């Protein structure tokens, strides 16, 4: 077994950019510390795919959407770079083919909770994203029944969290959107029920 050489110091954005490309893992930077996690599993990927299908026809043409896009949450040292499962960008924010976005280019960041990410997605990232000025943050919980908790900026208080929704999620911010969460894949129990119908 060959040992992989990982940085032995806190990283800045430039050093993070120079890491070798590796699509077998997800890499993020949390206050300069390299965080390595497994790639998302099957159900997570299916939910993300269905979510993009549900959102795409509703988005304004000037607000592009992307999955697994690096977002520089804090460019200072030590830097923080996150990779939300999905981002919706501000109008005119994305030109060309950028390798990552800055937080001020993001309107909505979406995370789907994976095994091992619950604390990060529900406690740590809301503070980071709110401090970085991302106006909206959604967290999808795959535990049945599948739910979506929406956070939005509430001035100096950071994010305000709305109660988790399990049926139809509707919002007017940043623009009108409707997602029928019951149409998203939601785990082995539902798949088993549907297979027996």
Protein backbone atom coordinates (compact mmCIF):
# COMPACT_ATOMS: atom_id res chain seq x y z
CA UNK A 1 0.00 0.00 0.00
CA UNK A 2 1.40 3.36 -1.01
CA UNK A 3 0.96 6.25 1.40
CA UNK A 4 -0.55 9.42 -0.01
CA UNK A 5 1.30 12.59 0.94
CA UNK A 6 -1.17 15.06 2.45
CA UNK A 7 -0.28 18.62 3.41
CA UNK A 8 1.16 19.02 6.90
CA UNK A 9 0.09 22.65 7.28
CA UNK A 10 -2.97 24.88 6.92
CA UNK A 11 -3.76 25.59 3.29
CA UNK A 12 -4.69 28.72 1.42
CA UNK A 13 -6.87 28.82 -1.72
CA UNK A 14 -3.91 28.63 -4.09
CA UNK A 15 -2.44 25.57 -2.36
CA UNK A 16 -5.84 23.87 -2.37
CA UNK A 17 -6.06 24.56 -6.13
CA UNK A 18 -2.72 22.84 -6.68
CA UNK A 19 -3.75 19.55 -5.07
CA UNK A 20 -3.75 16.64 -7.53
CA UNK A 21 -7.15 15.96 -9.08
CA UNK A 22 -8.89 12.98 -7.49
CA UNK A 23 -12.49 12.16 -8.37
CA UNK A 24 -12.64 9.19 -6.00
CA UNK A 25 -13.17 11.44 -2.96
CA UNK A 26 -14.66 14.82 -2.08
CA UNK A 27 -12.17 17.42 -0.88
CA UNK A 28 -13.09 20.52 1.09
CA UNK A 29 -11.08 23.02 3.08
CA UNK A 30 -12.22 23.98 6.56
CA UNK A 31 -10.20 26.84 8.03
CA UNK A 32 -7.15 25.61 6.14
CA UNK A 33 -7.61 21.95 7.12
CA UNK A 34 -8.06 19.51 4.25
CA UNK A 35 -11.28 17.49 4.76
CA UNK A 36 -11.56 14.28 2.75
CA UNK A 37 -14.84 12.37 2.57
CA UNK A 38 -16.21 9.52 0.44
CA UNK A 39 -18.09 10.29 -2.76
CA UNK A 40 -21.87 10.27 -2.37
CA UNK A 41 -23.69 6.94 -2.46
CA UNK A 42 -26.45 5.80 -4.84
CA UNK A 43 -29.54 7.24 -3.08
CA UNK A 44 -27.82 10.59 -2.51
CA UNK A 45 -26.97 10.79 -6.22
CA UNK A 46 -30.51 9.83 -7.30
CA UNK A 47 -32.07 12.48 -5.05
CA UNK A 48 -29.66 15.09 -6.40
CA UNK A 49 -30.50 14.13 -10.00
CA UNK A 50 -34.27 14.31 -9.36
CA UNK A 51 -33.83 17.63 -7.56
CA UNK A 52 -32.02 19.15 -10.55
CA UNK A 53 -34.79 17.90 -12.84
CA UNK A 54 -37.41 19.51 -10.59
CA UNK A 55 -35.57 22.83 -10.35
CA UNK A 56 -34.24 23.35 -13.88
CA UNK A 57 -37.50 24.35 -15.62
CA UNK A 58 -38.36 26.76 -12.77
CA UNK A 59 -35.09 28.70 -12.64
CA UNK A 60 -34.76 32.10 -14.30
CA UNK A 61 -32.51 31.80 -17.35
CA UNK A 62 -29.98 34.18 -15.78
CA UNK A 63 -29.56 32.01 -12.64
CA UNK A 64 -27.53 28.93 -13.60
CA UNK A 65 -27.38 25.82 -11.45
CA UNK A 66 -24.50 23.38 -10.96
CA UNK A 67 -23.75 20.32 -8.85
CA UNK A 68 -20.56 19.63 -6.88
CA UNK A 69 -19.20 23.13 -7.48
CA UNK A 70 -16.45 24.42 -5.23
CA UNK A 71 -17.44 27.58 -3.34
CA UNK A 72 -14.85 29.78 -1.64
CA UNK A 73 -16.60 30.53 1.63
CA UNK A 74 -13.62 32.40 3.12
CA UNK A 75 -10.67 33.33 0.91
CA UNK A 76 -8.61 34.65 3.82
CA UNK A 77 -6.05 32.57 5.63
CA UNK A 78 -6.80 29.94 6.70
CA UNK A 79 -9.22 29.45 3.83
CA UNK A 80 -12.55 27.62 3.75
CA UNK A 81 -13.79 26.02 0.54
CA UNK A 82 -16.95 23.93 0.51
CA UNK A 83 -18.50 21.79 -2.21
CA UNK A 84 -22.31 22.00 -1.88
CA UNK A 85 -24.25 19.27 -3.61
CA UNK A 86 -25.99 21.95 -5.66
CA UNK A 87 -25.68 25.71 -6.08
CA UNK A 88 -27.86 28.27 -7.83
CA UNK A 89 -25.78 31.26 -8.90
CA UNK A 90 -26.70 34.94 -8.92
CA UNK A 91 -27.63 36.58 -12.23
CA UNK A 92 -24.51 37.40 -14.22
CA UNK A 93 -22.21 35.80 -11.65
CA UNK A 94 -20.91 33.02 -13.84
CA UNK A 95 -19.02 33.86 -17.00
CA UNK A 96 -16.67 31.60 -18.84
CA UNK A 97 -15.84 28.30 -17.20
CA UNK A 98 -14.74 29.07 -13.62
CA UNK A 99 -13.22 26.25 -11.53
CA UNK A 100 -15.07 27.52 -8.44
CA UNK A 101 -17.41 30.26 -7.28
CA UNK A 102 -17.03 32.79 -4.51
CA UNK A 103 -19.74 32.87 -1.85
CA UNK A 104 -21.04 36.24 -3.11
CA UNK A 105 -21.88 34.58 -6.44
CA UNK A 106 -24.20 32.02 -4.81
CA UNK A 107 -27.93 32.56 -4.23
CA UNK A 108 -28.76 29.08 -2.92
CA UNK A 109 -26.52 26.33 -1.57
CA UNK A 110 -28.02 22.85 -1.12
CA UNK A 111 -26.61 19.99 0.93
CA UNK A 112 -27.99 16.45 1.05
CA UNK A 113 -27.13 14.79 4.34
CA UNK A 114 -24.90 11.74 3.93
CA UNK A 115 -23.74 9.32 6.60
CA UNK A 116 -21.03 11.23 8.43
CA UNK A 117 -22.14 14.70 7.30
CA UNK A 118 -25.18 15.41 9.53
CA UNK A 119 -23.33 17.58 12.08
CA UNK A 120 -21.41 19.45 9.41
CA UNK A 121 -24.48 20.06 7.23
CA UNK A 122 -26.86 21.06 10.06
CA UNK A 123 -24.59 22.82 12.56
CA UNK A 124 -21.35 23.94 10.95
CA UNK A 125 -22.25 24.90 7.39
CA UNK A 126 -25.25 27.10 8.31
CA UNK A 127 -22.90 29.37 10.26
CA UNK A 128 -20.25 29.37 7.55
CA UNK A 129 -22.70 30.04 4.72
CA UNK A 130 -24.56 32.73 6.66
CA UNK A 131 -21.31 34.49 7.58
CA UNK A 132 -20.22 34.32 3.92
CA UNK A 133 -23.45 36.04 2.82
CA UNK A 134 -25.12 33.17 0.94
CA UNK A 135 -28.79 34.22 1.13
CA UNK A 136 -30.40 30.76 1.08
CA UNK A 137 -29.31 27.34 2.32
CA UNK A 138 -31.34 24.15 2.00
CA UNK A 139 -30.64 20.88 3.78
CA UNK A 140 -32.25 17.68 2.50
CA UNK A 141 -32.46 14.85 5.03
CA UNK A 142 -32.73 11.40 3.45
CA UNK A 143 -34.07 9.79 6.63
CA UNK A 144 -37.69 8.87 6.02
CA UNK A 145 -39.77 10.76 5.39
CA UNK A 146 -37.41 12.75 3.19
CA UNK A 147 -37.47 16.41 4.26
CA UNK A 148 -36.08 19.81 3.32
CA UNK A 149 -35.13 22.46 5.88
CA UNK A 150 -34.70 25.94 4.41
CA UNK A 151 -32.51 28.63 5.96
CA UNK A 152 -32.52 32.26 4.86
CA UNK A 153 -30.57 35.35 5.86
CA UNK A 154 -32.17 37.24 8.74
CA UNK A 155 -29.90 40.28 8.93
CA UNK A 156 -27.36 40.51 11.75
CA UNK A 157 -28.75 37.31 13.27
CA UNK A 158 -27.46 35.11 10.45
CA UNK A 159 -29.77 32.41 9.17
CA UNK A 160 -33.33 31.83 10.26
CA UNK A 161 -34.36 28.19 9.86
CA UNK A 162 -37.88 27.26 8.79
CA UNK A 163 -39.39 23.99 10.02
CA UNK A 164 -38.49 21.01 7.84
CA UNK A 165 -41.01 20.24 5.09
CA UNK A 166 -41.91 16.68 4.10
CA UNK A 167 -44.56 17.16 1.40
CA UNK A 168 -44.35 20.05 -1.03
CA UNK A 169 -41.69 22.69 -0.49
CA UNK A 170 -42.68 26.12 -1.81
CA UNK A 171 -40.73 29.35 -1.54
CA UNK A 172 -40.76 32.84 -2.98
CA UNK A 173 -37.10 33.50 -2.21
CA UNK A 174 -34.92 34.01 -4.08
CA UNK A 175 -37.74 33.48 -6.62
CA UNK A 176 -40.85 31.29 -6.74
CA UNK A 177 -39.97 27.60 -6.61
CA UNK A 178 -41.98 24.48 -5.89
CA UNK A 179 -40.55 21.03 -5.20
CA UNK A 180 -42.74 17.99 -4.55
CA UNK A 181 -40.48 16.12 -2.15
CA UNK A 182 -42.68 13.02 -2.40
CA UNK A 183 -41.46 12.63 -5.99
CA UNK A 184 -37.81 12.39 -4.88
CA UNK A 185 -36.38 8.94 -4.14
CA UNK A 186 -36.47 8.52 -0.36
CA UNK A 187 -34.79 5.33 0.66
CA UNK A 188 -35.13 1.57 0.86
CA UNK A 189 -38.54 1.47 2.62
CA UNK A 190 -40.32 3.46 -0.12
CA UNK A 191 -38.47 1.65 -2.88
CA UNK A 192 -39.57 -1.67 -1.37
CA UNK A 193 -43.20 -0.48 -1.14
CA UNK A 194 -43.17 0.73 -4.73
CA UNK A 195 -41.63 -2.53 -5.90
CA UNK A 196 -44.53 -4.46 -4.33
CA UNK A 197 -47.25 -2.37 -5.99
